[in-house]
PDB file of N, CA and C in Angstrom:
ATOM      1  N   UNK A   1     -29.349 -19.323   3.314  1.00  0.00           N
ATOM      2  CA  UNK A   1     -28.643 -18.327   3.621  1.00  0.00           C
ATOM      3  C   UNK A   1     -27.734 -18.626   4.892  1.00  0.00           C
ATOM      4  N   UNK A   2     -28.375 -19.345   6.083  1.00  0.00           N
ATOM      5  CA  UNK A   2     -27.868 -19.705   7.156  1.00  0.00           C
ATOM      6  C   UNK A   2     -26.644 -20.698   7.097  1.00  0.00           C
ATOM      7  N   UNK A   3     -26.853 -21.801   5.935  1.00  0.00           N
ATOM      8  CA  UNK A   3     -25.634 -22.584   5.575  1.00  0.00           C
ATOM      9  C   UNK A   3     -24.333 -21.552   4.988  1.00  0.00           C
ATOM     10  N   UNK A   4     -24.675 -20.773   4.205  1.00  0.00           N
ATOM     11  CA  UNK A   4     -23.777 -20.034   3.256  1.00  0.00           C
ATOM     12  C   UNK A   4     -23.124 -19.091   4.741  1.00  0.00           C
ATOM     13  N   UNK A   5     -23.619 -18.428   5.467  1.00  0.00           N
ATOM     14  CA  UNK A   5     -22.971 -17.485   6.570  1.00  0.00           C
ATOM     15  C   UNK A   5     -22.159 -18.670   7.326  1.00  0.00           C
ATOM     16  N   UNK A   6     -22.607 -19.754   7.705  1.00  0.00           N
ATOM     17  CA  UNK A   6     -21.899 -20.861   8.698  1.00  0.00           C
ATOM     18  C   UNK A   6     -20.502 -21.264   7.950  1.00  0.00           C
ATOM     19  N   UNK A   7     -20.810 -21.576   6.331  1.00  0.00           N
ATOM     20  CA  UNK A   7     -19.739 -22.180   5.731  1.00  0.00           C
ATOM     21  C   UNK A   7     -18.479 -20.699   5.883  1.00  0.00           C
ATOM     22  N   UNK A   8     -18.928 -19.906   5.515  1.00  0.00           N
ATOM     23  CA  UNK A   8     -17.965 -18.454   5.380  1.00  0.00           C
ATOM     24  C   UNK A   8     -17.135 -18.099   6.924  1.00  0.00           C
ATOM     25  N   UNK A   9     -18.101 -18.191   8.015  1.00  0.00           N
ATOM     26  CA  UNK A   9     -17.878 -17.819   9.246  1.00  0.00           C
ATOM     27  C   UNK A   9     -16.859 -18.976   9.809  1.00  0.00           C
ATOM     28  N   UNK A  10     -16.721 -20.506   9.270  1.00  0.00           N
ATOM     29  CA  UNK A  10     -15.588 -21.205   9.433  1.00  0.00           C
ATOM     30  C   UNK A  10     -14.422 -21.311   8.905  1.00  0.00           C
ATOM     31  N   UNK A  11     -14.466 -20.494   7.912  1.00  0.00           N
ATOM     32  CA  UNK A  11     -13.283 -20.408   6.979  1.00  0.00           C
ATOM     33  C   UNK A  11     -12.501 -18.993   6.931  1.00  0.00           C
ATOM     34  N   UNK A  12     -11.370 -18.954   7.667  1.00  0.00           N
ATOM     35  CA  UNK A  12     -10.624 -17.467   8.160  1.00  0.00           C
ATOM     36  C   UNK A  12     -10.457 -16.830   6.647  1.00  0.00           C
ATOM     37  N   UNK A  13     -10.064 -17.661   5.619  1.00  0.00           N
ATOM     38  CA  UNK A  13      -9.623 -16.997   4.441  1.00  0.00           C
ATOM     39  C   UNK A  13     -10.770 -16.308   3.759  1.00  0.00           C
ATOM     40  N   UNK A  14     -11.925 -16.900   3.725  1.00  0.00           N
ATOM     41  CA  UNK A  14     -13.209 -16.452   3.166  1.00  0.00           C
ATOM     42  C   UNK A  14     -13.635 -15.028   3.993  1.00  0.00           C
ATOM     43  N   UNK A  15     -13.417 -14.936   5.193  1.00  0.00           N
ATOM     44  CA  UNK A  15     -13.529 -13.786   6.084  1.00  0.00           C
ATOM     45  C   UNK A  15     -12.901 -12.764   5.474  1.00  0.00           C
ATOM     46  N   UNK A  16     -11.474 -13.045   5.313  1.00  0.00           N
ATOM     47  CA  UNK A  16     -10.603 -12.151   5.021  1.00  0.00           C
ATOM     48  C   UNK A  16     -10.671 -11.559   3.631  1.00  0.00           C
ATOM     49  N   UNK A  17     -11.256 -12.554   2.658  1.00  0.00           N
ATOM     50  CA  UNK A  17     -11.697 -12.034   1.222  1.00  0.00           C
ATOM     51  C   UNK A  17     -13.076 -11.173   1.513  1.00  0.00           C
ATOM     52  N   UNK A  18     -13.843 -11.559   2.277  1.00  0.00           N
ATOM     53  CA  UNK A  18     -15.082 -10.373   2.621  1.00  0.00           C
ATOM     54  C   UNK A  18     -14.472  -9.226   2.912  1.00  0.00           C
ATOM     55  N   UNK A  19     -13.667  -9.133   3.810  1.00  0.00           N
ATOM     56  CA  UNK A  19     -13.170  -8.103   3.991  1.00  0.00           C
ATOM     57  C   UNK A  19     -12.238  -7.099   3.240  1.00  0.00           C
ATOM     58  N   UNK A  20     -11.561  -7.717   2.428  1.00  0.00           N
ATOM     59  CA  UNK A  20     -10.517  -6.958   1.569  1.00  0.00           C
ATOM     60  C   UNK A  20     -11.726  -6.705   0.326  1.00  0.00           C
ATOM     61  N   UNK A  21     -12.743  -7.563  -0.373  1.00  0.00           N
ATOM     62  CA  UNK A  21     -13.748  -7.003  -1.310  1.00  0.00           C
ATOM     63  C   UNK A  21     -14.541  -5.835  -0.726  1.00  0.00           C
ATOM     64  N   UNK A  22     -14.975  -5.992   0.506  1.00  0.00           N
ATOM     65  CA  UNK A  22     -15.891  -5.055   0.975  1.00  0.00           C
ATOM     66  C   UNK A  22     -14.987  -3.827   1.197  1.00  0.00           C
ATOM     67  N   UNK A  23     -13.719  -3.637   1.642  1.00  0.00           N
ATOM     68  CA  UNK A  23     -13.181  -2.319   1.700  1.00  0.00           C
ATOM     69  C   UNK A  23     -12.815  -1.817   0.307  1.00  0.00           C
ATOM     70  N   UNK A  24     -12.567  -2.592  -0.715  1.00  0.00           N
ATOM     71  CA  UNK A  24     -12.224  -2.227  -2.125  1.00  0.00           C
ATOM     72  C   UNK A  24     -13.534  -1.706  -2.765  1.00  0.00           C
ATOM     73  N   UNK A  25     -14.462  -2.295  -2.367  1.00  0.00           N
ATOM     74  CA  UNK A  25     -15.995  -2.111  -3.168  1.00  0.00           C
ATOM     75  C   UNK A  25     -16.431  -0.542  -2.511  1.00  0.00           C
ATOM     76  N   UNK A  26     -16.338  -0.561  -0.844  1.00  0.00           N
ATOM     77  CA  UNK A  26     -16.635   0.810  -0.526  1.00  0.00           C
ATOM     78  C   UNK A  26     -15.728   1.733  -0.630  1.00  0.00           C
ATOM     79  N   UNK A  27     -14.473   1.756  -0.560  1.00  0.00           N
ATOM     80  CA  UNK A  27     -13.733   2.672  -0.945  1.00  0.00           C
ATOM     81  C   UNK A  27     -13.852   3.277  -2.637  1.00  0.00           C
ATOM     82  N   UNK A  28     -14.020   2.324  -3.276  1.00  0.00           N
ATOM     83  CA  UNK A  28     -14.188   2.517  -4.779  1.00  0.00           C
ATOM     84  C   UNK A  28     -15.595   3.386  -4.867  1.00  0.00           C
ATOM     85  N   UNK A  29     -16.515   2.901  -4.251  1.00  0.00           N
ATOM     86  CA  UNK A  29     -17.915   3.649  -4.456  1.00  0.00           C
ATOM     87  C   UNK A  29     -17.926   4.980  -3.745  1.00  0.00           C
ATOM     88  N   UNK A  30     -17.324   5.143  -2.674  1.00  0.00           N
ATOM     89  CA  UNK A  30     -17.278   6.517  -1.723  1.00  0.00           C
ATOM     90  C   UNK A  30     -16.255   7.309  -2.973  1.00  0.00           C
ATOM     91  N   UNK A  31     -15.286   6.983  -3.350  1.00  0.00           N
ATOM     92  CA  UNK A  31     -14.507   7.885  -4.303  1.00  0.00           C
ATOM     93  C   UNK A  31     -15.333   8.242  -5.394  1.00  0.00           C
ATOM     94  N   UNK A  32     -16.212   7.207  -6.069  1.00  0.00           N
ATOM     95  CA  UNK A  32     -16.823   7.537  -7.282  1.00  0.00           C
ATOM     96  C   UNK A  32     -17.984   8.417  -7.052  1.00  0.00           C
ATOM     97  N   UNK A  33     -18.760   8.093  -5.883  1.00  0.00           N
ATOM     98  CA  UNK A  33     -20.065   8.854  -5.839  1.00  0.00           C
ATOM     99  C   UNK A  33     -19.608  10.281  -5.241  1.00  0.00           C
ATOM    100  N   UNK A  34     -18.683  10.417  -4.228  1.00  0.00           N
ATOM    101  CA  UNK A  34     -17.946  11.605  -3.693  1.00  0.00           C
ATOM    102  C   UNK A  34     -17.100  12.659  -4.353  1.00  0.00           C
ATOM    103  N   UNK A  35     -16.750  12.094  -5.785  1.00  0.00           N
ATOM    104  CA  UNK A  35     -15.690  12.858  -6.312  1.00  0.00           C
ATOM    105  C   UNK A  35     -14.349  12.945  -5.609  1.00  0.00           C
ATOM    106  N   UNK A  36     -13.993  11.980  -4.881  1.00  0.00           N
ATOM    107  CA  UNK A  36     -12.717  11.948  -4.217  1.00  0.00           C
ATOM    108  C   UNK A  36     -11.742  10.955  -4.824  1.00  0.00           C
ATOM    109  N   UNK A  37     -10.416  11.064  -4.211  1.00  0.00           N
ATOM    110  CA  UNK A  37      -9.441  10.177  -4.706  1.00  0.00           C
ATOM    111  C   UNK A  37      -9.524   8.791  -4.091  1.00  0.00           C
ATOM    112  N   UNK A  38      -9.023   7.770  -4.530  1.00  0.00           N
ATOM    113  CA  UNK A  38      -9.375   6.275  -4.112  1.00  0.00           C
ATOM    114  C   UNK A  38      -8.578   6.477  -3.032  1.00  0.00           C
ATOM    115  N   UNK A  39      -7.592   6.965  -2.730  1.00  0.00           N
ATOM    116  CA  UNK A  39      -6.783   6.930  -1.437  1.00  0.00           C
ATOM    117  C   UNK A  39      -7.934   7.516  -0.209  1.00  0.00           C
ATOM    118  N   UNK A  40      -8.715   8.784  -0.579  1.00  0.00           N
ATOM    119  CA  UNK A  40      -9.465   8.988   0.401  1.00  0.00           C
ATOM    120  C   UNK A  40     -10.706   8.077   0.678  1.00  0.00           C
ATOM    121  N   UNK A  41     -10.966   7.313  -0.298  1.00  0.00           N
ATOM    122  CA  UNK A  41     -11.995   6.276  -0.276  1.00  0.00           C
ATOM    123  C   UNK A  41     -11.493   5.190   0.689  1.00  0.00           C
ATOM    124  N   UNK A  42     -10.282   4.702   0.641  1.00  0.00           N
ATOM    125  CA  UNK A  42      -9.828   3.554   1.103  1.00  0.00           C
ATOM    126  C   UNK A  42      -9.524   4.275   2.687  1.00  0.00           C
ATOM    127  N   UNK A  43      -9.258   5.548   3.000  1.00  0.00           N
ATOM    128  CA  UNK A  43      -9.224   5.965   4.408  1.00  0.00           C
ATOM    129  C   UNK A  43     -10.609   6.097   4.988  1.00  0.00           C
ATOM    130  N   UNK A  44     -11.644   6.609   4.215  1.00  0.00           N
ATOM    131  CA  UNK A  44     -13.010   6.389   4.641  1.00  0.00           C
ATOM    132  C   UNK A  44     -13.628   5.005   5.067  1.00  0.00           C
ATOM    133  N   UNK A  45     -13.133   4.038   3.946  1.00  0.00           N
ATOM    134  CA  UNK A  45     -13.650   2.820   4.043  1.00  0.00           C
ATOM    135  C   UNK A  45     -12.910   2.245   5.282  1.00  0.00           C
ATOM    136  N   UNK A  46     -11.701   2.427   5.588  1.00  0.00           N
ATOM    137  CA  UNK A  46     -11.104   1.881   6.889  1.00  0.00           C
ATOM    138  C   UNK A  46     -11.710   2.262   8.111  1.00  0.00           C
ATOM    139  N   UNK A  47     -11.873   3.723   8.024  1.00  0.00           N
ATOM    140  CA  UNK A  47     -12.263   4.184   9.341  1.00  0.00           C
ATOM    141  C   UNK A  47     -13.840   3.924   9.708  1.00  0.00           C
ATOM    142  N   UNK A  48     -14.396   3.844   8.590  1.00  0.00           N
ATOM    143  CA  UNK A  48     -15.979   3.238   8.919  1.00  0.00           C
ATOM    144  C   UNK A  48     -16.036   1.929   9.079  1.00  0.00           C
ATOM    145  N   UNK A  49     -15.152   0.833   8.629  1.00  0.00           N
ATOM    146  CA  UNK A  49     -15.244  -0.249   8.739  1.00  0.00           C
ATOM    147  C   UNK A  49     -14.749  -0.785  10.437  1.00  0.00           C
ATOM    148  N   UNK A  50     -14.010   0.008  10.787  1.00  0.00           N
ATOM    149  CA  UNK A  50     -13.504  -0.523  12.196  1.00  0.00           C
ATOM    150  C   UNK A  50     -14.218   0.531  13.208  1.00  0.00           C
ATOM    151  N   UNK A  51     -15.414   1.081  12.717  1.00  0.00           N
ATOM    152  CA  UNK A  51     -16.246   1.890  13.493  1.00  0.00           C
ATOM    153  C   UNK A  51     -15.371   3.050  14.420  1.00  0.00           C
ATOM    154  N   UNK A  52     -14.091   3.688  13.863  1.00  0.00           N
ATOM    155  CA  UNK A  52     -13.622   4.903  14.399  1.00  0.00           C
ATOM    156  C   UNK A  52     -14.576   6.049  14.163  1.00  0.00           C
ATOM    157  N   UNK A  53     -14.844   6.297  12.811  1.00  0.00           N
ATOM    158  CA  UNK A  53     -15.422   7.455  12.569  1.00  0.00           C
ATOM    159  C   UNK A  53     -14.951   8.902  12.898  1.00  0.00           C
ATOM    160  N   UNK A  54     -13.780   8.884  12.458  1.00  0.00           N
ATOM    161  CA  UNK A  54     -13.237  10.373  12.772  1.00  0.00           C
ATOM    162  C   UNK A  54     -13.865  11.461  12.125  1.00  0.00           C
ATOM    163  N   UNK A  55     -14.519  11.477  11.068  1.00  0.00           N
ATOM    164  CA  UNK A  55     -15.651  12.561  10.884  1.00  0.00           C
ATOM    165  C   UNK A  55     -14.690  13.423   9.745  1.00  0.00           C
ATOM    166  N   UNK A  56     -13.575  13.260   9.496  1.00  0.00           N
ATOM    167  CA  UNK A  56     -12.818  14.163   8.362  1.00  0.00           C
ATOM    168  C   UNK A  56     -13.284  13.982   7.085  1.00  0.00           C
ATOM    169  N   UNK A  57     -13.671  12.638   6.779  1.00  0.00           N
ATOM    170  CA  UNK A  57     -14.188  12.362   5.484  1.00  0.00           C
ATOM    171  C   UNK A  57     -15.769  11.961   5.621  1.00  0.00           C
ATOM    172  N   UNK A  58     -16.856  12.388   5.302  1.00  0.00           N
ATOM    173  CA  UNK A  58     -17.921  11.944   5.333  1.00  0.00           C
ATOM    174  C   UNK A  58     -18.842  12.263   3.731  1.00  0.00           C
ATOM    175  N   UNK A  59     -19.678  11.235   3.157  1.00  0.00           N
ATOM    176  CA  UNK A  59     -20.382  11.463   2.432  1.00  0.00           C
ATOM    177  C   UNK A  59     -21.159  12.647   2.387  1.00  0.00           C
ATOM    178  N   UNK A  60     -21.564  13.422   1.318  1.00  0.00           N
ATOM    179  CA  UNK A  60     -22.379  14.600   1.342  1.00  0.00           C
ATOM    180  C   UNK A  60     -23.535  14.221   0.323  1.00  0.00           C
ATOM    181  N   UNK A  61     -23.262  13.448  -0.546  1.00  0.00           N
ATOM    182  CA  UNK A  61     -24.311  13.305  -1.595  1.00  0.00           C
ATOM    183  C   UNK A  61     -25.281  12.264  -1.118  1.00  0.00           C
ATOM    184  N   UNK A  62     -26.550  12.180  -1.341  1.00  0.00           N
ATOM    185  CA  UNK A  62     -27.784  11.314  -0.802  1.00  0.00           C
ATOM    186  C   UNK A  62     -27.456   9.775  -1.422  1.00  0.00           C
ATOM    187  N   UNK A  63     -26.777   9.673  -2.653  1.00  0.00           N
ATOM    188  CA  UNK A  63     -26.503   8.294  -2.798  1.00  0.00           C
ATOM    189  C   UNK A  63     -25.098   7.568  -1.943  1.00  0.00           C
ATOM    190  N   UNK A  64     -24.254   8.726  -1.484  1.00  0.00           N
ATOM    191  CA  UNK A  64     -23.001   8.395  -0.738  1.00  0.00           C
ATOM    192  C   UNK A  64     -23.196   8.124   0.646  1.00  0.00           C
ATOM    193  N   UNK A  65     -24.337   8.783   1.290  1.00  0.00           N
ATOM    194  CA  UNK A  65     -24.863   8.714   2.455  1.00  0.00           C
ATOM    195  C   UNK A  65     -25.492   7.140   2.497  1.00  0.00           C
ATOM    196  N   UNK A  66     -26.609   6.941   1.331  1.00  0.00           N
ATOM    197  CA  UNK A  66     -27.194   5.492   1.736  1.00  0.00           C
ATOM    198  C   UNK A  66     -26.043   4.344   1.479  1.00  0.00           C
ATOM    199  N   UNK A  67     -25.198   4.548   0.510  1.00  0.00           N
ATOM    200  CA  UNK A  67     -23.902   3.792   0.492  1.00  0.00           C
ATOM    201  C   UNK A  67     -23.209   3.548   2.086  1.00  0.00           C
ATOM    202  N   UNK A  68     -23.062   4.681   2.693  1.00  0.00           N
ATOM    203  CA  UNK A  68     -22.395   4.594   3.752  1.00  0.00           C
ATOM    204  C   UNK A  68     -22.956   3.785   4.787  1.00  0.00           C
ATOM    205  N   UNK A  69     -24.289   4.250   4.693  1.00  0.00           N
ATOM    206  CA  UNK A  69     -25.598   3.411   5.849  1.00  0.00           C
ATOM    207  C   UNK A  69     -25.466   2.052   5.474  1.00  0.00           C
ATOM    208  N   UNK A  70     -25.164   1.476   4.181  1.00  0.00           N
ATOM    209  CA  UNK A  70     -25.111   0.049   3.813  1.00  0.00           C
ATOM    210  C   UNK A  70     -23.831  -0.665   4.464  1.00  0.00           C
ATOM    211  N   UNK A  71     -22.841   0.294   3.909  1.00  0.00           N
ATOM    212  CA  UNK A  71     -21.364  -0.292   4.376  1.00  0.00           C
ATOM    213  C   UNK A  71     -21.387  -0.499   5.805  1.00  0.00           C
ATOM    214  N   UNK A  72     -21.717   0.565   6.656  1.00  0.00           N
ATOM    215  CA  UNK A  72     -21.697   0.403   8.191  1.00  0.00           C
ATOM    216  C   UNK A  72     -22.433  -0.709   8.766  1.00  0.00           C
ATOM    217  N   UNK A  73     -23.639  -0.971   7.998  1.00  0.00           N
ATOM    218  CA  UNK A  73     -24.326  -1.802   8.527  1.00  0.00           C
ATOM    219  C   UNK A  73     -23.901  -3.293   8.234  1.00  0.00           C
ATOM    220  N   UNK A  74     -23.357  -3.506   7.135  1.00  0.00           N
ATOM    221  CA  UNK A  74     -22.960  -4.887   6.457  1.00  0.00           C
ATOM    222  C   UNK A  74     -21.621  -5.217   7.553  1.00  0.00           C
ATOM    223  N   UNK A  75     -20.723  -4.373   7.757  1.00  0.00           N
ATOM    224  CA  UNK A  75     -19.655  -4.274   8.911  1.00  0.00           C
ATOM    225  C   UNK A  75     -20.088  -4.923   9.998  1.00  0.00           C
ATOM    226  N   UNK A  76     -21.175  -3.798  10.598  1.00  0.00           N
ATOM    227  CA  UNK A  76     -21.613  -4.472  11.988  1.00  0.00           C
ATOM    228  C   UNK A  76     -22.125  -5.666  12.107  1.00  0.00           C
ATOM    229  N   UNK A  77     -23.252  -6.240  11.216  1.00  0.00           N
ATOM    230  CA  UNK A  77     -24.005  -7.119  11.412  1.00  0.00           C
ATOM    231  C   UNK A  77     -23.399  -8.599  10.665  1.00  0.00           C
ATOM    232  N   UNK A  78     -22.546  -8.423   9.746  1.00  0.00           N
ATOM    233  CA  UNK A  78     -21.975  -9.315   8.878  1.00  0.00           C
ATOM    234  C   UNK A  78     -20.629  -9.866   9.188  1.00  0.00           C
ATOM    235  N   UNK A  79     -19.726  -8.973   9.026  1.00  0.00           N
ATOM    236  CA  UNK A  79     -18.100  -9.016   8.884  1.00  0.00           C
ATOM    237  C   UNK A  79     -17.661  -9.387  10.506  1.00  0.00           C
ATOM    238  N   UNK A  80     -17.950  -8.377  11.106  1.00  0.00           N
ATOM    239  CA  UNK A  80     -17.618  -8.310  12.757  1.00  0.00           C
ATOM    240  C   UNK A  80     -18.029  -9.519  13.540  1.00  0.00           C
ATOM    241  N   UNK A  81     -19.234  -9.889  13.465  1.00  0.00           N
ATOM    242  CA  UNK A  81     -19.903 -11.308  13.856  1.00  0.00           C
ATOM    243  C   UNK A  81     -19.193 -12.534  13.344  1.00  0.00           C
ATOM    244  N   UNK A  82     -18.897 -12.542  11.926  1.00  0.00           N
ATOM    245  CA  UNK A  82     -17.898 -13.866  11.374  1.00  0.00           C
ATOM    246  C   UNK A  82     -16.598 -13.714  12.119  1.00  0.00           C
ATOM    247  N   UNK A  83     -15.998 -12.747  12.269  1.00  0.00           N
ATOM    248  CA  UNK A  83     -14.731 -12.686  12.855  1.00  0.00           C
ATOM    249  C   UNK A  83     -14.697 -13.079  14.316  1.00  0.00           C
ATOM    250  N   UNK A  84     -15.675 -12.515  14.845  1.00  0.00           N
ATOM    251  CA  UNK A  84     -15.942 -12.916  16.104  1.00  0.00           C
ATOM    252  C   UNK A  84     -16.085 -14.560  16.663  1.00  0.00           C
ATOM    253  N   UNK A  85     -17.105 -14.964  15.623  1.00  0.00           N
ATOM    254  CA  UNK A  85     -17.564 -16.658  15.730  1.00  0.00           C
ATOM    255  C   UNK A  85     -16.568 -17.335  15.575  1.00  0.00           C
ATOM    256  N   UNK A  86     -15.550 -16.954  14.510  1.00  0.00           N
ATOM    257  CA  UNK A  86     -14.361 -17.881  14.145  1.00  0.00           C
ATOM    258  C   UNK A  86     -13.248 -17.800  15.141  1.00  0.00           C
ATOM    259  N   UNK A  87     -12.839 -16.640  15.698  1.00  0.00           N
ATOM    260  CA  UNK A  87     -12.039 -16.522  16.950  1.00  0.00           C
ATOM    261  C   UNK A  87     -12.665 -17.721  18.033  1.00  0.00           C
ATOM    262  N   UNK A  88     -13.903 -17.519  18.201  1.00  0.00           N
ATOM    263  CA  UNK A  88     -14.587 -18.157  19.527  1.00  0.00           C
ATOM    264  C   UNK A  88     -14.349 -19.834  19.136  1.00  0.00           C
ATOM    265  N   UNK A  89     -14.664 -20.242  18.020  1.00  0.00           N
ATOM    266  CA  UNK A  89     -14.804 -21.468  17.612  1.00  0.00           C
ATOM    267  C   UNK A  89     -13.294 -22.054  17.552  1.00  0.00           C
ATOM    268  N   UNK A  90     -12.352 -21.437  17.605  1.00  0.00           N
ATOM    269  CA  UNK A  90     -10.848 -21.764  17.442  1.00  0.00           C
ATOM    270  C   UNK A  90     -10.329 -21.635  19.192  1.00  0.00           C
ATOM    271  N   UNK A  91     -11.050 -21.129  20.115  1.00  0.00           N
ATOM    272  CA  UNK A  91     -10.618 -20.922  21.245  1.00  0.00           C
ATOM    273  C   UNK A  91     -11.538 -21.697  22.262  1.00  0.00           C
ATOM    274  N   UNK A  92     -12.630 -21.928  22.209  1.00  0.00           N
ATOM    275  CA  UNK A  92     -13.416 -22.686  22.828  1.00  0.00           C
ATOM    276  C   UNK A  92     -13.227 -24.299  22.626  1.00  0.00           C
ATOM    277  N   UNK A  93     -13.063 -24.886  23.644  1.00  0.00           N
ATOM    278  CA  UNK A  93     -12.715 -26.330  23.902  1.00  0.00           C
ATOM    279  C   UNK A  93     -13.926 -27.129  24.423  1.00  0.00           C
ATOM    280  N   UNK A  94     -14.497 -28.035  23.515  1.00  0.00           N
ATOM    281  CA  UNK A  94     -15.444 -28.909  23.843  1.00  0.00           C
ATOM    282  C   UNK A  94     -15.048 -30.025  24.611  1.00  0.00           C
ATOM    283  N   UNK A  95     -15.305 -29.893  26.010  1.00  0.00           N
ATOM    284  CA  UNK A  95     -14.911 -30.808  27.043  1.00  0.00           C
ATOM    285  C   UNK A  95     -15.695 -32.213  26.903  1.00  0.00           C
ATOM    286  N   UNK A  96     -16.560 -32.076  26.362  1.00  0.00           N
ATOM    287  CA  UNK A  96     -17.604 -33.277  26.234  1.00  0.00           C
ATOM    288  C   UNK A  96     -17.526 -34.134  24.782  1.00  0.00           C
ATOM    289  N   UNK A  97     -16.377 -33.570  24.171  1.00  0.00           N
ATOM    290  CA  UNK A  97     -16.202 -34.184  22.869  1.00  0.00           C
ATOM    291  C   UNK A  97     -15.663 -35.883  23.080  1.00  0.00           C
ATOM    292  N   UNK A  98     -16.064 -36.587  22.416  1.00  0.00           N
ATOM    293  CA  UNK A  98     -15.869 -37.972  22.477  1.00  0.00           C
ATOM    294  C   UNK A  98     -14.397 -38.316  21.769  1.00  0.00           C
ATOM    295  N   UNK A  99     -13.523 -39.069  22.489  1.00  0.00           N
ATOM    296  CA  UNK A  99     -12.199 -39.119  21.597  1.00  0.00           C
ATOM    297  C   UNK A  99     -12.507 -40.525  20.759  1.00  0.00           C
ATOM    298  N   UNK A 100     -11.459 -40.908  20.235  1.00  0.00           N
ATOM    299  CA  UNK A 100     -11.489 -42.109  19.239  1.00  0.00           C
ATOM    300  C   UNK A 100     -11.609 -43.311  20.107  1.00  0.00           C
ATOM    301  N   UNK A 101     -10.916 -43.492  21.232  1.00  0.00           N
ATOM    302  CA  UNK A 101     -11.054 -44.824  22.201  1.00  0.00           C
ATOM    303  C   UNK A 101     -12.655 -44.803  22.739  1.00  0.00           C
ATOM    304  N   UNK A 102     -12.908 -43.688  23.163  1.00  0.00           N
ATOM    305  CA  UNK A 102     -14.340 -43.753  23.768  1.00  0.00           C
ATOM    306  C   UNK A 102     -15.629 -44.145  22.795  1.00  0.00           C
ATOM    307  N   UNK A 103     -15.279 -43.761  21.594  1.00  0.00           N
ATOM    308  CA  UNK A 103     -16.224 -44.331  20.561  1.00  0.00           C
ATOM    309  C   UNK A 103     -16.144 -45.917  19.918  1.00  0.00           C
ATOM    310  N   UNK A 104     -15.205 -46.230  20.265  1.00  0.00           N
ATOM    311  CA  UNK A 104     -14.969 -47.504  19.878  1.00  0.00           C
ATOM    312  C   UNK A 104     -15.365 -48.403  20.830  1.00  0.00           C
TER     313      UNK A 104
END
């Protein structure tokens, strides 16, 4: 599991795929469980994933609420940390890294 997370966190295109798939899946599940339009589902998924939480659309069914809890936790503990780790890896420079000349 750790190797898979590290693999994904080191590839921005995979993080973007996780982002898009989770938005589509979350929006579809919300629309289906709450009997709303897909546009409403995308609005809810976007607001929830960005942790804005306007509260204009909220799940009212038990299944919708469970799905909302899982969706919110997935974003907070999986997607956002991978995005932050990817950004940090590209910004932080290792000053102790050996050059080719130093290794020879």
